[in-house]
Amino acid sequence: QAPWARVLRGVQLGEYDLVVNAWYSDERNVFGH
């Protein structure tokens, strides 16, 4: 559990493997599936 900005940053850096609950955006689709 972490603040939202940290969650997204952590996925981009490889610290976390996935976000539990995300809405779709083109920006997020670049670094996440």
PDB file of all heavy atoms in Angstrom:
ATOM      1  N   GLN A   1       0.837  -1.193   0.000  1.00  0.00           N
ATOM      2  CA  GLN A   1       0.000   0.000   0.000  1.00  0.00           C
ATOM      3  C   GLN A   1       0.873   1.244   0.000  1.00  0.00           C
ATOM      4  O   GLN A   1       1.805   1.355   0.803  1.00  0.00           O
ATOM      5  CB  GLN A   1      -0.905  -0.019   1.240  1.00  0.00           C
ATOM      6  CG  GLN A   1      -2.028   1.015   1.222  1.00  0.00           C
ATOM      7  CD  GLN A   1      -3.102   0.644   2.220  1.00  0.00           C
ATOM      8  OE1 GLN A   1      -3.943  -0.217   1.966  1.00  0.00           O
ATOM      9  NE2 GLN A   1      -3.102   1.300   3.360  1.00  0.00           N
ATOM     10  N   ALA A   2       0.571   2.176  -0.909  1.00  0.00           N
ATOM     11  CA  ALA A   2       1.380   3.384  -1.038  1.00  0.00           C
ATOM     12  C   ALA A   2       0.524   4.483  -1.651  1.00  0.00           C
ATOM     13  O   ALA A   2      -0.534   4.201  -2.233  1.00  0.00           O
ATOM     14  CB  ALA A   2       2.604   3.110  -1.926  1.00  0.00           C
ATOM     15  N   PRO A   3       0.953   5.748  -1.543  1.00  0.00           N
ATOM     16  CA  PRO A   3       0.229   6.826  -2.229  1.00  0.00           C
ATOM     17  C   PRO A   3       0.175   6.554  -3.732  1.00  0.00           C
ATOM     18  O   PRO A   3       1.076   5.934  -4.299  1.00  0.00           O
ATOM     19  CB  PRO A   3       1.072   8.069  -1.909  1.00  0.00           C
ATOM     20  CG  PRO A   3       1.792   7.721  -0.644  1.00  0.00           C
ATOM     21  CD  PRO A   3       2.075   6.252  -0.737  1.00  0.00           C
ATOM     22  N   TRP A   4      -0.896   7.053  -4.379  1.00  0.00           N
ATOM     23  CA  TRP A   4      -1.149   6.720  -5.782  1.00  0.00           C
ATOM     24  C   TRP A   4       0.025   7.066  -6.697  1.00  0.00           C
ATOM     25  O   TRP A   4       0.412   6.259  -7.559  1.00  0.00           O
ATOM     26  CB  TRP A   4      -2.421   7.426  -6.259  1.00  0.00           C
ATOM     27  CG  TRP A   4      -2.794   7.128  -7.671  1.00  0.00           C
ATOM     28  CD1 TRP A   4      -2.868   8.001  -8.709  1.00  0.00           C
ATOM     29  CD2 TRP A   4      -3.144   5.842  -8.221  1.00  0.00           C
ATOM     30  NE1 TRP A   4      -3.246   7.347  -9.867  1.00  0.00           N
ATOM     31  CE2 TRP A   4      -3.415   6.030  -9.595  1.00  0.00           C
ATOM     32  CE3 TRP A   4      -3.247   4.559  -7.680  1.00  0.00           C
ATOM     33  CZ2 TRP A   4      -3.790   4.971 -10.433  1.00  0.00           C
ATOM     34  CZ3 TRP A   4      -3.624   3.510  -8.519  1.00  0.00           C
ATOM     35  CH2 TRP A   4      -3.893   3.727  -9.879  1.00  0.00           C
ATOM     36  N   ALA A   5       0.592   8.249  -6.524  1.00  0.00           N
ATOM     37  CA  ALA A   5       1.722   8.633  -7.374  1.00  0.00           C
ATOM     38  C   ALA A   5       2.884   7.659  -7.199  1.00  0.00           C
ATOM     39  O   ALA A   5       3.580   7.316  -8.161  1.00  0.00           O
ATOM     40  CB  ALA A   5       2.166  10.059  -7.059  1.00  0.00           C
ATOM     41  N   ARG A   6       3.096   7.192  -5.980  1.00  0.00           N
ATOM     42  CA  ARG A   6       4.169   6.236  -5.701  1.00  0.00           C
ATOM     43  C   ARG A   6       3.871   4.876  -6.324  1.00  0.00           C
ATOM     44  O   ARG A   6       4.779   4.189  -6.802  1.00  0.00           O
ATOM     45  CB  ARG A   6       4.350   6.099  -4.182  1.00  0.00           C
ATOM     46  CG  ARG A   6       5.439   5.123  -3.771  1.00  0.00           C
ATOM     47  CD  ARG A   6       6.790   5.544  -4.313  1.00  0.00           C
ATOM     48  NE  ARG A   6       7.822   4.573  -4.021  1.00  0.00           N
ATOM     49  CZ  ARG A   6       8.991   4.524  -4.626  1.00  0.00           C
ATOM     50  NH1 ARG A   6       9.288   5.401  -5.570  1.00  0.00           N
ATOM     51  NH2 ARG A   6       9.883   3.602  -4.299  1.00  0.00           N
ATOM     52  N   VAL A   7       2.588   4.489  -6.325  1.00  0.00           N
ATOM     53  CA  VAL A   7       2.196   3.218  -6.944  1.00  0.00           C
ATOM     54  C   VAL A   7       2.555   3.224  -8.430  1.00  0.00           C
ATOM     55  O   VAL A   7       3.195   2.292  -8.938  1.00  0.00           O
ATOM     56  CB  VAL A   7       0.685   2.968  -6.749  1.00  0.00           C
ATOM     57  CG1 VAL A   7       0.212   1.816  -7.637  1.00  0.00           C
ATOM     58  CG2 VAL A   7       0.382   2.664  -5.288  1.00  0.00           C
ATOM     59  N   LEU A   8       2.150   4.278  -9.134  1.00  0.00           N
ATOM     60  CA  LEU A   8       2.419   4.345 -10.570  1.00  0.00           C
ATOM     61  C   LEU A   8       3.918   4.428 -10.853  1.00  0.00           C
ATOM     62  O   LEU A   8       4.427   3.776 -11.770  1.00  0.00           O
ATOM     63  CB  LEU A   8       1.704   5.554 -11.179  1.00  0.00           C
ATOM     64  CG  LEU A   8       0.170   5.490 -11.208  1.00  0.00           C
ATOM     65  CD1 LEU A   8      -0.384   6.748 -11.859  1.00  0.00           C
ATOM     66  CD2 LEU A   8      -0.322   4.250 -11.963  1.00  0.00           C
ATOM     67  N   ARG A   9       4.620   5.212 -10.050  1.00  0.00           N
ATOM     68  CA  ARG A   9       6.066   5.338 -10.240  1.00  0.00           C
ATOM     69  C   ARG A   9       6.767   4.015  -9.952  1.00  0.00           C
ATOM     70  O   ARG A   9       7.698   3.614 -10.667  1.00  0.00           O
ATOM     71  CB  ARG A   9       6.608   6.427  -9.305  1.00  0.00           C
ATOM     72  CG  ARG A   9       8.089   6.737  -9.489  1.00  0.00           C
ATOM     73  CD  ARG A   9       8.370   7.298 -10.851  1.00  0.00           C
ATOM     74  NE  ARG A   9       9.758   7.703 -10.997  1.00  0.00           N
ATOM     75  CZ  ARG A   9      10.361   7.890 -12.170  1.00  0.00           C
ATOM     76  NH1 ARG A   9       9.677   7.707 -13.290  1.00  0.00           N
ATOM     77  NH2 ARG A   9      11.616   8.265 -12.230  1.00  0.00           N
ATOM     78  N   GLY A  10       6.306   3.320  -8.921  1.00  0.00           N
ATOM     79  CA  GLY A  10       6.911   2.047  -8.558  1.00  0.00           C
ATOM     80  C   GLY A  10       6.755   0.988  -9.634  1.00  0.00           C
ATOM     81  O   GLY A  10       7.655   0.176  -9.859  1.00  0.00           O
ATOM     82  N   VAL A  11       5.617   0.990 -10.335  1.00  0.00           N
ATOM     83  CA  VAL A  11       5.413   0.049 -11.439  1.00  0.00           C
ATOM     84  C   VAL A  11       6.339   0.396 -12.598  1.00  0.00           C
ATOM     85  O   VAL A  11       6.923  -0.489 -13.226  1.00  0.00           O
ATOM     86  CB  VAL A  11       3.932   0.056 -11.887  1.00  0.00           C
ATOM     87  CG1 VAL A  11       3.756  -0.665 -13.220  1.00  0.00           C
ATOM     88  CG2 VAL A  11       3.069  -0.610 -10.825  1.00  0.00           C
ATOM     89  N   GLN A  12       6.480   1.681 -12.874  1.00  0.00           N
ATOM     90  CA  GLN A  12       7.375   2.086 -13.959  1.00  0.00           C
ATOM     91  C   GLN A  12       8.833   1.720 -13.659  1.00  0.00           C
ATOM     92  O   GLN A  12       9.590   1.376 -14.574  1.00  0.00           O
ATOM     93  CB  GLN A  12       7.262   3.598 -14.186  1.00  0.00           C
ATOM     94  CG  GLN A  12       5.911   4.031 -14.719  1.00  0.00           C
ATOM     95  CD  GLN A  12       5.815   5.535 -14.876  1.00  0.00           C
ATOM     96  OE1 GLN A  12       6.494   6.145 -15.693  1.00  0.00           O
ATOM     97  NE2 GLN A  12       4.958   6.149 -14.074  1.00  0.00           N
ATOM     98  N   LEU A  13       9.217   1.783 -12.391  1.00  0.00           N
ATOM     99  CA  LEU A  13      10.602   1.479 -12.008  1.00  0.00           C
ATOM    100  C   LEU A  13      10.843  -0.010 -11.771  1.00  0.00           C
ATOM    101  O   LEU A  13      11.975  -0.430 -11.550  1.00  0.00           O
ATOM    102  CB  LEU A  13      10.969   2.255 -10.732  1.00  0.00           C
ATOM    103  CG  LEU A  13      11.029   3.775 -10.856  1.00  0.00           C
ATOM    104  CD1 LEU A  13      11.258   4.410  -9.487  1.00  0.00           C
ATOM    105  CD2 LEU A  13      12.114   4.203 -11.839  1.00  0.00           C
ATOM    106  N   GLY A  14       9.775  -0.813 -11.803  1.00  0.00           N
ATOM    107  CA  GLY A  14       9.916  -2.241 -11.574  1.00  0.00           C
ATOM    108  C   GLY A  14       9.910  -2.634 -10.108  1.00  0.00           C
ATOM    109  O   GLY A  14      10.190  -3.788  -9.772  1.00  0.00           O
ATOM    110  N   GLU A  15       9.589  -1.687  -9.218  1.00  0.00           N
ATOM    111  CA  GLU A  15       9.531  -2.006  -7.792  1.00  0.00           C
ATOM    112  C   GLU A  15       8.270  -2.812  -7.458  1.00  0.00           C
ATOM    113  O   GLU A  15       8.278  -3.620  -6.530  1.00  0.00           O
ATOM    114  CB  GLU A  15       9.560  -0.719  -6.967  1.00  0.00           C
ATOM    115  CG  GLU A  15      10.859   0.067  -7.118  1.00  0.00           C
ATOM    116  CD  GLU A  15      10.796   1.414  -6.428  1.00  0.00           C
ATOM    117  OE1 GLU A  15       9.740   1.732  -5.838  1.00  0.00           O
ATOM    118  OE2 GLU A  15      11.796   2.151  -6.472  1.00  0.00           O
ATOM    119  N   TYR A  16       7.199  -2.564  -8.176  1.00  0.00           N
ATOM    120  CA  TYR A  16       5.957  -3.316  -8.035  1.00  0.00           C
ATOM    121  C   TYR A  16       5.670  -3.982  -9.375  1.00  0.00           C
ATOM    122  O   TYR A  16       6.048  -3.477 -10.436  1.00  0.00           O
ATOM    123  CB  TYR A  16       4.792  -2.404  -7.657  1.00  0.00           C
ATOM    124  CG  TYR A  16       5.063  -1.476  -6.494  1.00  0.00           C
ATOM    125  CD1 TYR A  16       4.684  -0.130  -6.551  1.00  0.00           C
ATOM    126  CD2 TYR A  16       5.720  -1.923  -5.350  1.00  0.00           C
ATOM    127  CE1 TYR A  16       4.937   0.733  -5.502  1.00  0.00           C
ATOM    128  CE2 TYR A  16       5.976  -1.067  -4.293  1.00  0.00           C
ATOM    129  CZ  TYR A  16       5.583   0.266  -4.377  1.00  0.00           C
ATOM    130  OH  TYR A  16       5.841   1.111  -3.329  1.00  0.00           O
ATOM    131  N   ASP A  17       4.961  -5.106  -9.325  1.00  0.00           N
ATOM    132  CA  ASP A  17       4.675  -5.844 -10.563  1.00  0.00           C
ATOM    133  C   ASP A  17       3.369  -5.424 -11.217  1.00  0.00           C
ATOM    134  O   ASP A  17       3.250  -5.471 -12.441  1.00  0.00           O
ATOM    135  CB  ASP A  17       4.656  -7.350 -10.273  1.00  0.00           C
ATOM    136  CG  ASP A  17       6.012  -7.861  -9.848  1.00  0.00           C
ATOM    137  OD1 ASP A  17       6.964  -7.698 -10.629  1.00  0.00           O
ATOM    138  OD2 ASP A  17       6.137  -8.402  -8.731  1.00  0.00           O
ATOM    139  N   LEU A  18       2.417  -5.019 -10.404  1.00  0.00           N
ATOM    140  CA  LEU A  18       1.147  -4.600 -11.003  1.00  0.00           C
ATOM    141  C   LEU A  18       0.372  -3.681 -10.072  1.00  0.00           C
ATOM    142  O   LEU A  18       0.552  -3.700  -8.857  1.00  0.00           O
ATOM    143  CB  LEU A  18       0.297  -5.802 -11.399  1.00  0.00           C
ATOM    144  CG  LEU A  18      -0.237  -6.756 -10.322  1.00  0.00           C
ATOM    145  CD1 LEU A  18      -1.569  -6.276  -9.752  1.00  0.00           C
ATOM    146  CD2 LEU A  18      -0.412  -8.156 -10.904  1.00  0.00           C
ATOM    147  N   VAL A  19      -0.488  -2.881 -10.688  1.00  0.00           N
ATOM    148  CA  VAL A  19      -1.429  -2.033  -9.961  1.00  0.00           C
ATOM    149  C   VAL A  19      -2.726  -2.814  -9.803  1.00  0.00           C
ATOM    150  O   VAL A  19      -3.231  -3.403 -10.763  1.00  0.00           O
ATOM    151  CB  VAL A  19      -1.697  -0.718 -10.716  1.00  0.00           C
ATOM    152  CG1 VAL A  19      -2.649   0.174  -9.920  1.00  0.00           C
ATOM    153  CG2 VAL A  19      -0.393   0.019 -11.002  1.00  0.00           C
ATOM    154  N   VAL A  20      -3.268  -2.816  -8.602  1.00  0.00           N
ATOM    155  CA  VAL A  20      -4.496  -3.567  -8.325  1.00  0.00           C
ATOM    156  C   VAL A  20      -5.689  -2.980  -9.049  1.00  0.00           C
ATOM    157  O   VAL A  20      -6.516  -3.714  -9.605  1.00  0.00           O
ATOM    158  CB  VAL A  20      -4.771  -3.592  -6.802  1.00  0.00           C
ATOM    159  CG1 VAL A  20      -6.183  -4.100  -6.496  1.00  0.00           C
ATOM    160  CG2 VAL A  20      -3.738  -4.454  -6.094  1.00  0.00           C
ATOM    161  N   ASN A  21      -5.798  -1.643  -9.050  1.00  0.00           N
ATOM    162  CA  ASN A  21      -7.029  -1.012  -9.537  1.00  0.00           C
ATOM    163  C   ASN A  21      -6.713   0.255 -10.319  1.00  0.00           C
ATOM    164  O   ASN A  21      -6.470   1.312  -9.735  1.00  0.00           O
ATOM    165  CB  ASN A  21      -7.966  -0.680  -8.363  1.00  0.00           C
ATOM    166  CG  ASN A  21      -7.234  -0.061  -7.184  1.00  0.00           C
ATOM    167  OD1 ASN A  21      -6.069   0.333  -7.298  1.00  0.00           O
ATOM    168  ND2 ASN A  21      -7.898   0.043  -6.062  1.00  0.00           N
ATOM    169  N   ALA A  22      -6.719   0.149 -11.632  1.00  0.00           N
ATOM    170  CA  ALA A  22      -6.366   1.279 -12.482  1.00  0.00           C
ATOM    171  C   ALA A  22      -7.418   1.493 -13.560  1.00  0.00           C
ATOM    172  O   ALA A  22      -7.943   0.532 -14.122  1.00  0.00           O
ATOM    173  CB  ALA A  22      -4.997   1.048 -13.133  1.00  0.00           C
ATOM    174  N   TRP A  23      -7.719   2.759 -13.834  1.00  0.00           N
ATOM    175  CA  TRP A  23      -8.530   3.105 -14.994  1.00  0.00           C
ATOM    176  C   TRP A  23      -7.616   3.204 -16.207  1.00  0.00           C
ATOM    177  O   TRP A  23      -6.439   3.557 -16.085  1.00  0.00           O
ATOM    178  CB  TRP A  23      -9.240   4.441 -14.780  1.00  0.00           C
ATOM    179  CG  TRP A  23     -10.327   4.403 -13.742  1.00  0.00           C
ATOM    180  CD1 TRP A  23     -10.840   3.316 -13.110  1.00  0.00           C
ATOM    181  CD2 TRP A  23     -11.036   5.536 -13.212  1.00  0.00           C
ATOM    182  NE1 TRP A  23     -11.823   3.684 -12.226  1.00  0.00           N
ATOM    183  CE2 TRP A  23     -11.964   5.031 -12.263  1.00  0.00           C
ATOM    184  CE3 TRP A  23     -10.972   6.914 -13.440  1.00  0.00           C
ATOM    185  CZ2 TRP A  23     -12.823   5.877 -11.550  1.00  0.00           C
ATOM    186  CZ3 TRP A  23     -11.823   7.748 -12.739  1.00  0.00           C
ATOM    187  CH2 TRP A  23     -12.739   7.237 -11.806  1.00  0.00           C
ATOM    188  N   TYR A  24      -8.162   2.901 -17.377  1.00  0.00           N
ATOM    189  CA  TYR A  24      -7.352   2.935 -18.596  1.00  0.00           C
ATOM    190  C   TYR A  24      -6.982   4.365 -18.967  1.00  0.00           C
ATOM    191  O   TYR A  24      -7.783   5.292 -18.873  1.00  0.00           O
ATOM    192  CB  TYR A  24      -8.097   2.299 -19.769  1.00  0.00           C
ATOM    193  CG  TYR A  24      -7.280   2.367 -21.050  1.00  0.00           C
ATOM    194  CD1 TYR A  24      -6.347   1.383 -21.338  1.00  0.00           C
ATOM    195  CD2 TYR A  24      -7.398   3.463 -21.909  1.00  0.00           C
ATOM    196  CE1 TYR A  24      -5.561   1.474 -22.481  1.00  0.00           C
ATOM    197  CE2 TYR A  24      -6.623   3.560 -23.049  1.00  0.00           C
ATOM    198  CZ  TYR A  24      -5.695   2.558 -23.335  1.00  0.00           C
ATOM    199  OH  TYR A  24      -4.911   2.665 -24.452  1.00  0.00           O
ATOM    200  N   SER A  25      -5.756   4.554 -19.408  1.00  0.00           N
ATOM    201  CA  SER A  25      -5.335   5.788 -20.079  1.00  0.00           C
ATOM    202  C   SER A  25      -4.224   5.419 -21.039  1.00  0.00           C
ATOM    203  O   SER A  25      -3.475   4.459 -20.815  1.00  0.00           O
ATOM    204  CB  SER A  25      -4.849   6.845 -19.067  1.00  0.00           C
ATOM    205  OG  SER A  25      -3.567   6.520 -18.573  1.00  0.00           O
ATOM    206  N   ASP A  26      -4.114   6.184 -22.131  1.00  0.00           N
ATOM    207  CA  ASP A  26      -3.053   5.936 -23.112  1.00  0.00           C
ATOM    208  C   ASP A  26      -1.671   6.091 -22.476  1.00  0.00           C
ATOM    209  O   ASP A  26      -0.741   5.355 -22.813  1.00  0.00           O
ATOM    210  CB  ASP A  26      -3.188   6.903 -24.294  1.00  0.00           C
ATOM    211  CG  ASP A  26      -4.410   6.605 -25.153  1.00  0.00           C
ATOM    212  OD1 ASP A  26      -4.907   5.461 -25.093  1.00  0.00           O
ATOM    213  OD2 ASP A  26      -4.865   7.523 -25.860  1.00  0.00           O
ATOM    214  N   GLU A  27      -1.536   7.034 -21.554  1.00  0.00           N
ATOM    215  CA  GLU A  27      -0.248   7.264 -20.897  1.00  0.00           C
ATOM    216  C   GLU A  27       0.185   6.040 -20.100  1.00  0.00           C
ATOM    217  O   GLU A  27       1.338   5.610 -20.166  1.00  0.00           O
ATOM    218  CB  GLU A  27      -0.359   8.477 -19.971  1.00  0.00           C
ATOM    219  CG  GLU A  27       0.914   8.792 -19.210  1.00  0.00           C
ATOM    220  CD  GLU A  27       0.743   9.948 -18.238  1.00  0.00           C
ATOM    221  OE1 GLU A  27      -0.364  10.497 -18.150  1.00  0.00           O
ATOM    222  OE2 GLU A  27       1.739  10.276 -17.567  1.00  0.00           O
ATOM    223  N   ARG A  28      -0.737   5.452 -19.345  1.00  0.00           N
ATOM    224  CA  ARG A  28      -0.405   4.271 -18.546  1.00  0.00           C
ATOM    225  C   ARG A  28      -0.164   3.052 -19.426  1.00  0.00           C
ATOM    226  O   ARG A  28       0.616   2.170 -19.076  1.00  0.00           O
ATOM    227  CB  ARG A  28      -1.525   3.989 -17.542  1.00  0.00           C
ATOM    228  CG  ARG A  28      -1.696   5.079 -16.502  1.00  0.00           C
ATOM    229  CD  ARG A  28      -2.949   4.873 -15.664  1.00  0.00           C
ATOM    230  NE  ARG A  28      -3.197   6.038 -14.809  1.00  0.00           N
ATOM    231  CZ  ARG A  28      -4.307   6.236 -14.126  1.00  0.00           C
ATOM    232  NH1 ARG A  28      -5.292   5.354 -14.185  1.00  0.00           N
ATOM    233  NH2 ARG A  28      -4.450   7.313 -13.375  1.00  0.00           N
ATOM    234  N   ASN A  29      -0.834   3.008 -20.560  1.00  0.00           N
ATOM    235  CA  ASN A  29      -0.682   1.859 -21.453  1.00  0.00           C
ATOM    236  C   ASN A  29       0.725   1.767 -22.030  1.00  0.00           C
ATOM    237  O   ASN A  29       1.128   0.707 -22.502  1.00  0.00           O
ATOM    238  CB  ASN A  29      -1.707   1.949 -22.588  1.00  0.00           C
ATOM    239  CG  ASN A  29      -1.843   0.654 -23.359  1.00  0.00           C
ATOM    240  OD1 ASN A  29      -1.955  -0.424 -22.781  1.00  0.00           O
ATOM    241  ND2 ASN A  29      -1.809   0.756 -24.676  1.00  0.00           N
ATOM    242  N   VAL A  30       1.477   2.840 -21.981  1.00  0.00           N
ATOM    243  CA  VAL A  30       2.850   2.836 -22.488  1.00  0.00           C
ATOM    244  C   VAL A  30       3.741   1.958 -21.612  1.00  0.00           C
ATOM    245  O   VAL A  30       4.557   1.179 -22.112  1.00  0.00           O
ATOM    246  CB  VAL A  30       3.413   4.271 -22.552  1.00  0.00           C
ATOM    247  CG1 VAL A  30       4.909   4.249 -22.872  1.00  0.00           C
ATOM    248  CG2 VAL A  30       2.662   5.094 -23.587  1.00  0.00           C
ATOM    249  N   PHE A  31       3.575   2.063 -20.292  1.00  0.00           N
ATOM    250  CA  PHE A  31       4.461   1.311 -19.388  1.00  0.00           C
ATOM    251  C   PHE A  31       3.786   0.115 -18.736  1.00  0.00           C
ATOM    252  O   PHE A  31       4.441  -0.682 -18.071  1.00  0.00           O
ATOM    253  CB  PHE A  31       5.026   2.233 -18.300  1.00  0.00           C
ATOM    254  CG  PHE A  31       3.995   2.850 -17.384  1.00  0.00           C
ATOM    255  CD1 PHE A  31       3.494   2.154 -16.295  1.00  0.00           C
ATOM    256  CD2 PHE A  31       3.540   4.144 -17.612  1.00  0.00           C
ATOM    257  CE1 PHE A  31       2.552   2.723 -15.447  1.00  0.00           C
ATOM    258  CE2 PHE A  31       2.600   4.726 -16.772  1.00  0.00           C
ATOM    259  CZ  PHE A  31       2.102   4.013 -15.683  1.00  0.00           C
ATOM    260  N   GLY A  32       2.476  -0.036 -18.948  1.00  0.00           N
ATOM    261  CA  GLY A  32       1.758  -1.142 -18.331  1.00  0.00           C
ATOM    262  C   GLY A  32       0.815  -1.841 -19.290  1.00  0.00           C
ATOM    263  O   GLY A  32       0.337  -1.250 -20.260  1.00  0.00           O
ATOM    264  N   HIS A  33       0.567  -3.108 -19.015  1.00  0.00           N
ATOM    265  CA  HIS A  33      -0.330  -3.935 -19.821  1.00  0.00           C
ATOM    266  C   HIS A  33      -1.633  -4.094 -19.045  1.00  0.00           C
ATOM    267  O   HIS A  33      -1.647  -4.663 -17.951  1.00  0.00           O
ATOM    268  CB  HIS A  33       0.332  -5.292 -20.070  1.00  0.00           C
ATOM    269  CG  HIS A  33      -0.416  -6.175 -21.017  1.00  0.00           C
ATOM    270  ND1 HIS A  33       0.164  -7.260 -21.630  1.00  0.00           N
ATOM    271  CD2 HIS A  33      -1.696  -6.162 -21.448  1.00  0.00           C
ATOM    272  CE1 HIS A  33      -0.730  -7.860 -22.388  1.00  0.00           C
ATOM    273  NE2 HIS A  33      -1.869  -7.209 -22.289  1.00  0.00           N
TER     274      HIS A  33
END
